[in-house]
Amino acid sequence: MFMNWLGTLPSAAAQGLIWGIMAIGVYITYKILDIADLTVDGSICTGGAVCAVLMVNGVNVWIAMLAALISGMLTGLVTGFFHTFMGIPAILAGILTQLMLWSVNLKIMGKANQALSNKVFKIVKQIEPILSVVVLFAFVACVVAILYWFFGTELGCSMRATGCNLNMSRAQGINTSFTTILGLIISNGIVALSGALLVQYQGFADINMGRGAIVIGLAAVVIGDAIVSKISRNFAVRLFGVAIGGIVYWFVYQTVIFLGLDPDLLKLLSAIVVAIFLGVPYWKKKYFSKRRKEK
């Protein structure tokens, strides 16, 4: 039994890295911009749908992934437009875009499910989980390196300042509407890229593949932050921590399935885990800080 469980770990690591890339996109909006963006439930499916349709029609896999990345960036642009130009609260803007993407994704695929032929060249494959882990780790490293460079630039620092203090950023002459939209574009582009990788790994795109993605992304963010926060506050380390959080989440996921828990309860378990991790900082501040003051 233990050996069977070990055999599932490479697959769990591969899926964890794919969702870890998605969680890095969530990290940008949730941690850097301080926005709860629910667009990701739709944009991950958009990226997967675009990639699958193009690959089925003979387009090179790299071009298909680039198209998926651009499609995700466009979804972020729509959410940013709703939020900044129309004044719709960020969480509602994300819900509206997500709702729109349901119809858009159906139109892209032409049906609810689009399978990839075995003859189509894929960068990551479920039948080669170990090789896929190596390739996906390289993807994570590239994404982290690019983001580390970008957020060290003047524009990247302006985006971080926007998330830290919106009013002060405006007082310093930063166009906060632009930086907010740019952050949503980058975030959903990364999320769509993970959708393109997920489609290749599982061999099909499905209209429901993004359902609950925000919960998985938040779980990876909070788990990763808890793991690396005591090690280093370096930005690149924290981004890698998010990817590690995705791996840890899928290890737990695979273990729970292996132990025979009802699969219908997995979403409930994920939501509870995220709620607990999000509640820990509040509990520390409310209860433990008071005890220290009393002492």
C-alpha atoms as a PDB file:
ATOM      1  CA  MET A   1       0.000   0.000   0.000  1.00  0.00           C
ATOM      2  CA  PHE A   2       2.800   2.410   0.931  1.00  0.00           C
ATOM      3  CA  MET A   3       4.602   1.715  -2.362  1.00  0.00           C
ATOM      4  CA  ASN A   4       1.399   2.430  -4.286  1.00  0.00           C
ATOM      5  CA  TRP A   5       1.129   5.758  -2.476  1.00  0.00           C
ATOM      6  CA  LEU A   6       4.757   6.581  -3.342  1.00  0.00           C
ATOM      7  CA  GLY A   7       3.955   5.850  -6.969  1.00  0.00           C
ATOM      8  CA  THR A   8       1.373   8.654  -6.997  1.00  0.00           C
ATOM      9  CA  LEU A   9       3.813  11.310  -5.707  1.00  0.00           C
ATOM     10  CA  PRO A  10       5.414  12.260  -9.082  1.00  0.00           C
ATOM     11  CA  SER A  11       1.949  12.826 -10.530  1.00  0.00           C
ATOM     12  CA  ALA A  12       0.947  14.870  -7.472  1.00  0.00           C
ATOM     13  CA  ALA A  13       4.147  16.931  -7.761  1.00  0.00           C
ATOM     14  CA  ALA A  14       3.472  17.626 -11.457  1.00  0.00           C
ATOM     15  CA  GLN A  15      -0.095  18.734 -10.801  1.00  0.00           C
ATOM     16  CA  GLY A  16       1.070  20.715  -7.793  1.00  0.00           C
ATOM     17  CA  LEU A  17       3.561  22.642  -9.933  1.00  0.00           C
ATOM     18  CA  ILE A  18       0.910  23.385 -12.564  1.00  0.00           C
ATOM     19  CA  TRP A  19      -1.466  24.722  -9.929  1.00  0.00           C
ATOM     20  CA  GLY A  20       1.507  26.383  -8.242  1.00  0.00           C
ATOM     21  CA  ILE A  21       2.035  28.472 -11.393  1.00  0.00           C
ATOM     22  CA  MET A  22      -1.641  29.397 -11.216  1.00  0.00           C
ATOM     23  CA  ALA A  23      -1.203  30.290  -7.530  1.00  0.00           C
ATOM     24  CA  ILE A  24       1.665  32.650  -8.424  1.00  0.00           C
ATOM     25  CA  GLY A  25      -0.861  34.544 -10.536  1.00  0.00           C
ATOM     26  CA  VAL A  26      -3.244  34.607  -7.569  1.00  0.00           C
ATOM     27  CA  TYR A  27      -0.385  35.831  -5.360  1.00  0.00           C
ATOM     28  CA  ILE A  28       0.054  38.932  -7.532  1.00  0.00           C
ATOM     29  CA  THR A  29      -3.527  40.084  -7.025  1.00  0.00           C
ATOM     30  CA  TYR A  30      -4.120  38.780  -3.515  1.00  0.00           C
ATOM     31  CA  LYS A  31      -0.810  39.656  -1.843  1.00  0.00           C
ATOM     32  CA  ILE A  32       0.681  42.423  -3.987  1.00  0.00           C
ATOM     33  CA  LEU A  33      -2.375  44.352  -5.203  1.00  0.00           C
ATOM     34  CA  ASP A  34      -4.537  43.392  -2.199  1.00  0.00           C
ATOM     35  CA  ILE A  35      -7.404  42.450  -4.529  1.00  0.00           C
ATOM     36  CA  ALA A  36      -9.600  39.368  -4.311  1.00  0.00           C
ATOM     37  CA  ASP A  37      -9.801  38.521  -8.023  1.00  0.00           C
ATOM     38  CA  LEU A  38     -12.252  35.767  -8.901  1.00  0.00           C
ATOM     39  CA  THR A  39     -11.527  35.983 -12.622  1.00  0.00           C
ATOM     40  CA  VAL A  40      -9.100  33.059 -12.278  1.00  0.00           C
ATOM     41  CA  ASP A  41     -11.908  30.489 -12.216  1.00  0.00           C
ATOM     42  CA  GLY A  42     -12.657  31.515 -15.798  1.00  0.00           C
ATOM     43  CA  SER A  43      -9.254  32.603 -17.115  1.00  0.00           C
ATOM     44  CA  ILE A  44      -7.583  29.257 -16.364  1.00  0.00           C
ATOM     45  CA  CYS A  45     -10.248  27.573 -18.503  1.00  0.00           C
ATOM     46  CA  THR A  46      -9.841  30.216 -21.215  1.00  0.00           C
ATOM     47  CA  GLY A  47      -6.117  29.509 -21.429  1.00  0.00           C
ATOM     48  CA  GLY A  48      -6.745  25.789 -21.561  1.00  0.00           C
ATOM     49  CA  ALA A  49      -9.508  26.104 -24.165  1.00  0.00           C
ATOM     50  CA  VAL A  50      -7.429  28.323 -26.476  1.00  0.00           C
ATOM     51  CA  CYS A  51      -4.407  26.032 -26.195  1.00  0.00           C
ATOM     52  CA  ALA A  52      -6.440  22.857 -26.794  1.00  0.00           C
ATOM     53  CA  VAL A  53      -8.307  24.183 -29.831  1.00  0.00           C
ATOM     54  CA  LEU A  54      -5.145  25.503 -31.477  1.00  0.00           C
ATOM     55  CA  MET A  55      -3.202  22.295 -30.836  1.00  0.00           C
ATOM     56  CA  VAL A  56      -6.034  20.148 -32.217  1.00  0.00           C
ATOM     57  CA  ASN A  57      -5.942  22.265 -35.385  1.00  0.00           C
ATOM     58  CA  GLY A  58      -2.223  21.663 -35.865  1.00  0.00           C
ATOM     59  CA  VAL A  59      -0.757  24.836 -34.362  1.00  0.00           C
ATOM     60  CA  ASN A  60       2.669  24.525 -32.741  1.00  0.00           C
ATOM     61  CA  VAL A  61       2.425  23.954 -28.995  1.00  0.00           C
ATOM     62  CA  TRP A  62       4.570  26.981 -28.139  1.00  0.00           C
ATOM     63  CA  ILE A  63       2.437  29.288 -30.273  1.00  0.00           C
ATOM     64  CA  ALA A  64      -0.681  27.769 -28.710  1.00  0.00           C
ATOM     65  CA  MET A  65       0.680  28.486 -25.231  1.00  0.00           C
ATOM     66  CA  LEU A  66       1.570  32.043 -26.216  1.00  0.00           C
ATOM     67  CA  ALA A  67      -1.992  32.519 -27.483  1.00  0.00           C
ATOM     68  CA  ALA A  68      -3.294  31.111 -24.194  1.00  0.00           C
ATOM     69  CA  LEU A  69      -1.121  33.568 -22.276  1.00  0.00           C
ATOM     70  CA  ILE A  70      -2.444  36.505 -24.332  1.00  0.00           C
ATOM     71  CA  SER A  71      -6.056  35.348 -23.929  1.00  0.00           C
ATOM     72  CA  GLY A  72      -5.601  35.277 -20.163  1.00  0.00           C
ATOM     73  CA  MET A  73      -4.121  38.766 -20.222  1.00  0.00           C
ATOM     74  CA  LEU A  74      -7.207  39.981 -22.093  1.00  0.00           C
ATOM     75  CA  THR A  75      -9.482  38.554 -19.393  1.00  0.00           C
ATOM     76  CA  GLY A  76      -7.488  40.476 -16.796  1.00  0.00           C
ATOM     77  CA  LEU A  77      -7.857  43.615 -18.924  1.00  0.00           C
ATOM     78  CA  VAL A  78     -11.646  43.198 -18.909  1.00  0.00           C
ATOM     79  CA  THR A  79     -11.723  42.826 -15.123  1.00  0.00           C
ATOM     80  CA  GLY A  80      -9.422  45.836 -14.736  1.00  0.00           C
ATOM     81  CA  PHE A  81     -11.677  47.875 -17.034  1.00  0.00           C
ATOM     82  CA  PHE A  82     -14.751  46.968 -14.973  1.00  0.00           C
ATOM     83  CA  HIS A  83     -12.965  47.824 -11.731  1.00  0.00           C
ATOM     84  CA  THR A  84     -11.168  51.048 -12.618  1.00  0.00           C
ATOM     85  CA  PHE A  85     -13.125  52.648 -15.480  1.00  0.00           C
ATOM     86  CA  MET A  86     -16.620  51.593 -14.394  1.00  0.00           C
ATOM     87  CA  GLY A  87     -15.991  51.757 -10.642  1.00  0.00           C
ATOM     88  CA  ILE A  88     -17.219  48.210  -9.954  1.00  0.00           C
ATOM     89  CA  PRO A  89     -15.715  46.647  -6.789  1.00  0.00           C
ATOM     90  CA  ALA A  90     -12.863  44.279  -7.644  1.00  0.00           C
ATOM     91  CA  ILE A  91     -14.515  41.130  -6.327  1.00  0.00           C
ATOM     92  CA  LEU A  92     -17.725  41.831  -8.284  1.00  0.00           C
ATOM     93  CA  ALA A  93     -15.750  42.768 -11.407  1.00  0.00           C
ATOM     94  CA  GLY A  94     -14.025  39.377 -11.244  1.00  0.00           C
ATOM     95  CA  ILE A  95     -17.349  37.578 -10.848  1.00  0.00           C
ATOM     96  CA  LEU A  96     -18.794  39.395 -13.872  1.00  0.00           C
ATOM     97  CA  THR A  97     -15.779  38.530 -16.036  1.00  0.00           C
ATOM     98  CA  GLN A  98     -15.872  34.928 -14.827  1.00  0.00           C
ATOM     99  CA  LEU A  99     -19.559  34.743 -15.773  1.00  0.00           C
ATOM    100  CA  MET A 100     -18.831  36.145 -19.231  1.00  0.00           C
ATOM    101  CA  LEU A 101     -15.980  33.692 -19.744  1.00  0.00           C
ATOM    102  CA  TRP A 102     -18.320  30.713 -19.325  1.00  0.00           C
ATOM    103  CA  SER A 103     -19.985  31.608 -22.634  1.00  0.00           C
ATOM    104  CA  VAL A 104     -16.709  32.669 -24.239  1.00  0.00           C
ATOM    105  CA  ASN A 105     -15.012  29.379 -23.341  1.00  0.00           C
ATOM    106  CA  LEU A 106     -17.928  27.385 -24.747  1.00  0.00           C
ATOM    107  CA  LYS A 107     -17.675  29.332 -27.999  1.00  0.00           C
ATOM    108  CA  ILE A 108     -13.911  28.808 -28.175  1.00  0.00           C
ATOM    109  CA  MET A 109     -14.186  25.021 -27.809  1.00  0.00           C
ATOM    110  CA  GLY A 110     -17.522  24.684 -29.599  1.00  0.00           C
ATOM    111  CA  LYS A 111     -18.541  22.136 -26.973  1.00  0.00           C
ATOM    112  CA  ALA A 112     -18.129  21.434 -23.264  1.00  0.00           C
ATOM    113  CA  ASN A 113     -15.083  19.186 -23.658  1.00  0.00           C
ATOM    114  CA  GLN A 114     -12.169  19.163 -26.102  1.00  0.00           C
ATOM    115  CA  ALA A 115      -9.829  16.165 -26.065  1.00  0.00           C
ATOM    116  CA  LEU A 116      -6.258  16.224 -27.340  1.00  0.00           C
ATOM    117  CA  SER A 117      -5.128  13.464 -29.668  1.00  0.00           C
ATOM    118  CA  ASN A 118      -2.263  11.257 -28.533  1.00  0.00           C
ATOM    119  CA  LYS A 119      -0.482  12.199 -31.752  1.00  0.00           C
ATOM    120  CA  VAL A 120      -0.341  15.868 -30.717  1.00  0.00           C
ATOM    121  CA  PHE A 121       3.022  16.890 -29.259  1.00  0.00           C
ATOM    122  CA  LYS A 122       2.698  17.945 -25.612  1.00  0.00           C
ATOM    123  CA  ILE A 123       5.284  19.583 -23.368  1.00  0.00           C
ATOM    124  CA  VAL A 124       4.000  17.767 -20.279  1.00  0.00           C
ATOM    125  CA  LYS A 125       2.330  14.363 -20.232  1.00  0.00           C
ATOM    126  CA  GLN A 126       0.540  12.400 -17.534  1.00  0.00           C
ATOM    127  CA  ILE A 127       2.248   9.182 -18.639  1.00  0.00           C
ATOM    128  CA  GLU A 128       5.662  10.796 -18.002  1.00  0.00           C
ATOM    129  CA  PRO A 129       5.200  12.454 -14.584  1.00  0.00           C
ATOM    130  CA  ILE A 130       8.895  12.590 -13.614  1.00  0.00           C
ATOM    131  CA  LEU A 131       9.917  14.283 -16.868  1.00  0.00           C
ATOM    132  CA  SER A 132       6.913  16.579 -16.497  1.00  0.00           C
ATOM    133  CA  VAL A 133       8.070  17.603 -13.000  1.00  0.00           C
ATOM    134  CA  VAL A 134      11.464  18.628 -14.412  1.00  0.00           C
ATOM    135  CA  VAL A 135       9.878  20.631 -17.243  1.00  0.00           C
ATOM    136  CA  LEU A 136       7.339  22.273 -14.942  1.00  0.00           C
ATOM    137  CA  PHE A 137      10.008  23.202 -12.402  1.00  0.00           C
ATOM    138  CA  ALA A 138      11.852  24.954 -15.250  1.00  0.00           C
ATOM    139  CA  PHE A 139       8.630  26.831 -16.055  1.00  0.00           C
ATOM    140  CA  VAL A 140       8.257  27.880 -12.414  1.00  0.00           C
ATOM    141  CA  ALA A 141      11.879  29.062 -12.318  1.00  0.00           C
ATOM    142  CA  CYS A 142      11.375  31.140 -15.491  1.00  0.00           C
ATOM    143  CA  VAL A 143       8.142  32.706 -14.194  1.00  0.00           C
ATOM    144  CA  VAL A 144       9.742  33.539 -10.835  1.00  0.00           C
ATOM    145  CA  ALA A 145      12.861  35.004 -12.499  1.00  0.00           C
ATOM    146  CA  ILE A 146      10.812  37.227 -14.822  1.00  0.00           C
ATOM    147  CA  LEU A 147       8.550  38.426 -12.005  1.00  0.00           C
ATOM    148  CA  TYR A 148      11.520  39.031  -9.695  1.00  0.00           C
ATOM    149  CA  TRP A 149      13.114  41.207 -12.373  1.00  0.00           C
ATOM    150  CA  PHE A 150       9.867  43.026 -13.196  1.00  0.00           C
ATOM    151  CA  PHE A 151       8.925  43.887  -9.615  1.00  0.00           C
ATOM    152  CA  GLY A 152      12.402  45.303  -9.131  1.00  0.00           C
ATOM    153  CA  THR A 153      11.803  47.868 -11.883  1.00  0.00           C
ATOM    154  CA  GLU A 154      10.228  51.276 -11.312  1.00  0.00           C
ATOM    155  CA  LEU A 155       6.920  50.104 -12.768  1.00  0.00           C
ATOM    156  CA  GLY A 156       6.943  46.961 -10.634  1.00  0.00           C
ATOM    157  CA  CYS A 157       7.680  48.982  -7.501  1.00  0.00           C
ATOM    158  CA  SER A 158       4.800  51.298  -8.411  1.00  0.00           C
ATOM    159  CA  MET A 159       2.510  48.278  -8.587  1.00  0.00           C
ATOM    160  CA  ARG A 160       3.668  47.067  -5.180  1.00  0.00           C
ATOM    161  CA  ALA A 161       3.155  50.550  -3.760  1.00  0.00           C
ATOM    162  CA  THR A 162      -0.386  50.587  -5.172  1.00  0.00           C
ATOM    163  CA  GLY A 163      -1.218  47.445  -3.234  1.00  0.00           C
ATOM    164  CA  CYS A 164       0.418  48.703  -0.024  1.00  0.00           C
ATOM    165  CA  ASN A 165      -1.225  52.141   0.113  1.00  0.00           C
ATOM    166  CA  LEU A 166      -3.515  53.289  -2.685  1.00  0.00           C
ATOM    167  CA  ASN A 167      -3.952  56.889  -1.505  1.00  0.00           C
ATOM    168  CA  MET A 168      -0.279  57.461  -0.799  1.00  0.00           C
ATOM    169  CA  SER A 169       0.601  56.039  -4.222  1.00  0.00           C
ATOM    170  CA  ARG A 170      -1.742  58.526  -5.878  1.00  0.00           C
ATOM    171  CA  ALA A 171      -0.192  61.329  -3.840  1.00  0.00           C
ATOM    172  CA  GLN A 172       3.216  60.289  -5.204  1.00  0.00           C
ATOM    173  CA  GLY A 173       1.945  60.650  -8.762  1.00  0.00           C
ATOM    174  CA  ILE A 174       1.441  56.939  -9.521  1.00  0.00           C
ATOM    175  CA  ASN A 175      -1.359  56.116 -11.948  1.00  0.00           C
ATOM    176  CA  THR A 176      -2.992  53.528  -9.690  1.00  0.00           C
ATOM    177  CA  SER A 177      -5.665  52.647 -12.250  1.00  0.00           C
ATOM    178  CA  PHE A 178      -2.960  51.668 -14.745  1.00  0.00           C
ATOM    179  CA  THR A 179      -0.924  49.658 -12.223  1.00  0.00           C
ATOM    180  CA  THR A 180      -4.057  47.863 -11.024  1.00  0.00           C
ATOM    181  CA  ILE A 181      -5.058  46.914 -14.565  1.00  0.00           C
ATOM    182  CA  LEU A 182      -1.489  45.844 -15.364  1.00  0.00           C
ATOM    183  CA  GLY A 183      -1.404  43.652 -12.258  1.00  0.00           C
ATOM    184  CA  LEU A 184      -4.670  41.956 -13.251  1.00  0.00           C
ATOM    185  CA  ILE A 185      -3.356  41.443 -16.785  1.00  0.00           C
ATOM    186  CA  ILE A 186      -0.126  39.816 -15.574  1.00  0.00           C
ATOM    187  CA  SER A 187      -1.926  37.716 -12.985  1.00  0.00           C
ATOM    188  CA  ASN A 188      -4.524  36.270 -15.354  1.00  0.00           C
ATOM    189  CA  GLY A 189      -1.916  35.762 -18.083  1.00  0.00           C
ATOM    190  CA  ILE A 190       0.026  33.495 -15.709  1.00  0.00           C
ATOM    191  CA  VAL A 191      -3.183  31.738 -14.681  1.00  0.00           C
ATOM    192  CA  ALA A 192      -4.082  31.083 -18.338  1.00  0.00           C
ATOM    193  CA  LEU A 193      -0.559  29.743 -18.944  1.00  0.00           C
ATOM    194  CA  SER A 194      -1.095  27.223 -16.154  1.00  0.00           C
ATOM    195  CA  GLY A 195      -4.400  26.291 -17.822  1.00  0.00           C
ATOM    196  CA  ALA A 196      -2.547  25.571 -21.066  1.00  0.00           C
ATOM    197  CA  LEU A 197      -0.107  23.318 -19.187  1.00  0.00           C
ATOM    198  CA  LEU A 198      -2.940  21.599 -17.329  1.00  0.00           C
ATOM    199  CA  VAL A 199      -4.735  20.781 -20.583  1.00  0.00           C
ATOM    200  CA  GLN A 200      -1.600  19.165 -21.991  1.00  0.00           C
ATOM    201  CA  TYR A 201      -0.998  17.187 -18.812  1.00  0.00           C
ATOM    202  CA  GLN A 202      -4.524  15.812 -18.434  1.00  0.00           C
ATOM    203  CA  GLY A 203      -5.110  15.490 -22.189  1.00  0.00           C
ATOM    204  CA  PHE A 204      -8.303  17.513 -22.523  1.00  0.00           C
ATOM    205  CA  ALA A 205      -9.934  20.878 -21.863  1.00  0.00           C
ATOM    206  CA  ASP A 206     -13.243  21.011 -20.029  1.00  0.00           C
ATOM    207  CA  ILE A 207     -15.638  23.869 -19.364  1.00  0.00           C
ATOM    208  CA  ASN A 208     -15.588  23.025 -15.634  1.00  0.00           C
ATOM    209  CA  MET A 209     -11.804  22.710 -15.279  1.00  0.00           C
ATOM    210  CA  GLY A 210     -11.509  26.088 -13.552  1.00  0.00           C
ATOM    211  CA  ARG A 211     -14.256  25.619 -11.014  1.00  0.00           C
ATOM    212  CA  GLY A 212     -12.831  26.178  -7.535  1.00  0.00           C
ATOM    213  CA  ALA A 213      -9.445  27.292  -8.895  1.00  0.00           C
ATOM    214  CA  ILE A 214      -9.402  30.354  -6.635  1.00  0.00           C
ATOM    215  CA  VAL A 215      -9.676  28.103  -3.569  1.00  0.00           C
ATOM    216  CA  ILE A 216      -6.740  25.961  -4.706  1.00  0.00           C
ATOM    217  CA  GLY A 217      -4.756  29.094  -5.532  1.00  0.00           C
ATOM    218  CA  LEU A 218      -5.414  30.642  -2.123  1.00  0.00           C
ATOM    219  CA  ALA A 219      -4.568  27.345  -0.430  1.00  0.00           C
ATOM    220  CA  ALA A 220      -1.211  27.239  -2.227  1.00  0.00           C
ATOM    221  CA  VAL A 221      -0.526  30.898  -1.369  1.00  0.00           C
ATOM    222  CA  VAL A 222      -1.264  30.584   2.346  1.00  0.00           C
ATOM    223  CA  ILE A 223       0.504  27.212   2.704  1.00  0.00           C
ATOM    224  CA  GLY A 224       3.549  28.447   0.806  1.00  0.00           C
ATOM    225  CA  ASP A 225       3.658  31.686   2.794  1.00  0.00           C
ATOM    226  CA  ALA A 226       3.497  29.722   6.038  1.00  0.00           C
ATOM    227  CA  ILE A 227       6.391  27.501   4.902  1.00  0.00           C
ATOM    228  CA  VAL A 228       8.848  30.159   3.685  1.00  0.00           C
ATOM    229  CA  SER A 229       7.927  33.186   5.832  1.00  0.00           C
ATOM    230  CA  LYS A 230      10.247  32.025   8.617  1.00  0.00           C
ATOM    231  CA  ILE A 231      13.030  31.150   6.153  1.00  0.00           C
ATOM    232  CA  SER A 232      13.341  34.351   4.131  1.00  0.00           C
ATOM    233  CA  ARG A 233      11.329  37.447   3.186  1.00  0.00           C
ATOM    234  CA  ASN A 234      13.009  37.588  -0.229  1.00  0.00           C
ATOM    235  CA  PHE A 235      10.436  38.088  -2.981  1.00  0.00           C
ATOM    236  CA  ALA A 236      11.756  35.277  -5.201  1.00  0.00           C
ATOM    237  CA  VAL A 237      11.775  32.859  -2.261  1.00  0.00           C
ATOM    238  CA  ARG A 238       8.177  33.737  -1.490  1.00  0.00           C
ATOM    239  CA  LEU A 239       7.155  33.096  -5.090  1.00  0.00           C
ATOM    240  CA  PHE A 240       8.893  29.710  -5.009  1.00  0.00           C
ATOM    241  CA  GLY A 241       7.096  29.111  -1.715  1.00  0.00           C
ATOM    242  CA  VAL A 242       3.769  29.537  -3.494  1.00  0.00           C
ATOM    243  CA  ALA A 243       4.752  26.806  -5.976  1.00  0.00           C
ATOM    244  CA  ILE A 244       5.803  24.597  -3.060  1.00  0.00           C
ATOM    245  CA  GLY A 245       2.418  25.302  -1.497  1.00  0.00           C
ATOM    246  CA  GLY A 246       0.783  23.935  -4.636  1.00  0.00           C
ATOM    247  CA  ILE A 247       2.831  20.740  -4.361  1.00  0.00           C
ATOM    248  CA  VAL A 248       1.970  20.338  -0.670  1.00  0.00           C
ATOM    249  CA  TYR A 249      -1.716  20.853  -1.447  1.00  0.00           C
ATOM    250  CA  TRP A 250      -1.698  18.111  -4.085  1.00  0.00           C
ATOM    251  CA  PHE A 251       0.282  15.757  -1.874  1.00  0.00           C
ATOM    252  CA  VAL A 252      -2.452  16.141   0.743  1.00  0.00           C
ATOM    253  CA  TYR A 253      -5.088  15.801  -1.974  1.00  0.00           C
ATOM    254  CA  GLN A 254      -3.597  12.551  -3.294  1.00  0.00           C
ATOM    255  CA  THR A 255      -3.152  11.191   0.222  1.00  0.00           C
ATOM    256  CA  VAL A 256      -6.767  11.907   1.102  1.00  0.00           C
ATOM    257  CA  ILE A 257      -7.941  10.133  -2.061  1.00  0.00           C
ATOM    258  CA  PHE A 258      -5.602   7.212  -1.360  1.00  0.00           C
ATOM    259  CA  LEU A 259      -7.043   6.855   2.150  1.00  0.00           C
ATOM    260  CA  GLY A 260     -10.508   6.487   0.675  1.00  0.00           C
ATOM    261  CA  LEU A 261     -12.182   9.776   1.639  1.00  0.00           C
ATOM    262  CA  ASP A 262     -15.299  10.593  -0.371  1.00  0.00           C
ATOM    263  CA  PRO A 263     -14.081  12.719  -3.356  1.00  0.00           C
ATOM    264  CA  ASP A 264     -17.247  14.822  -3.046  1.00  0.00           C
ATOM    265  CA  LEU A 265     -15.869  16.211   0.231  1.00  0.00           C
ATOM    266  CA  LEU A 266     -12.535  17.397  -1.199  1.00  0.00           C
ATOM    267  CA  LYS A 267     -13.792  20.891  -2.094  1.00  0.00           C
ATOM    268  CA  LEU A 268     -15.202  21.208   1.422  1.00  0.00           C
ATOM    269  CA  LEU A 269     -11.854  20.148   2.889  1.00  0.00           C
ATOM    270  CA  SER A 270      -9.986  22.659   0.688  1.00  0.00           C
ATOM    271  CA  ALA A 271     -12.258  25.507   1.755  1.00  0.00           C
ATOM    272  CA  ILE A 272     -11.849  24.635   5.438  1.00  0.00           C
ATOM    273  CA  VAL A 273      -8.043  24.480   5.129  1.00  0.00           C
ATOM    274  CA  VAL A 274      -7.941  27.892   3.419  1.00  0.00           C
ATOM    275  CA  ALA A 275     -10.304  29.391   6.017  1.00  0.00           C
ATOM    276  CA  ILE A 276      -8.104  28.117   8.862  1.00  0.00           C
ATOM    277  CA  PHE A 277      -4.888  29.448   7.322  1.00  0.00           C
ATOM    278  CA  LEU A 278      -6.506  32.819   6.623  1.00  0.00           C
ATOM    279  CA  GLY A 279      -7.849  32.964  10.163  1.00  0.00           C
ATOM    280  CA  VAL A 280      -4.541  32.203  11.896  1.00  0.00           C
ATOM    281  CA  PRO A 281      -3.094  35.760  11.558  1.00  0.00           C
ATOM    282  CA  TYR A 282      -6.309  37.202  13.001  1.00  0.00           C
ATOM    283  CA  TRP A 283      -6.285  34.769  15.912  1.00  0.00           C
ATOM    284  CA  LYS A 284      -2.649  35.569  16.637  1.00  0.00           C
ATOM    285  CA  LYS A 285      -3.368  39.294  16.664  1.00  0.00           C
ATOM    286  CA  LYS A 286      -6.541  39.078  18.716  1.00  0.00           C
ATOM    287  CA  TYR A 287      -5.709  36.449  21.310  1.00  0.00           C
ATOM    288  CA  PHE A 288      -1.948  35.831  21.553  1.00  0.00           C
ATOM    289  CA  SER A 289      -0.887  39.493  21.380  1.00  0.00           C
ATOM    290  CA  LYS A 290      -3.179  40.282  24.328  1.00  0.00           C
ATOM    291  CA  ARG A 291      -1.586  37.542  26.423  1.00  0.00           C
ATOM    292  CA  ARG A 292       1.890  38.887  25.688  1.00  0.00           C
ATOM    293  CA  LYS A 293       0.830  42.390  26.743  1.00  0.00           C
ATOM    294  CA  GLU A 294      -0.664  41.056  29.965  1.00  0.00           C
ATOM    295  CA  LYS A 295       2.590  39.284  30.794  1.00  0.00           C
END
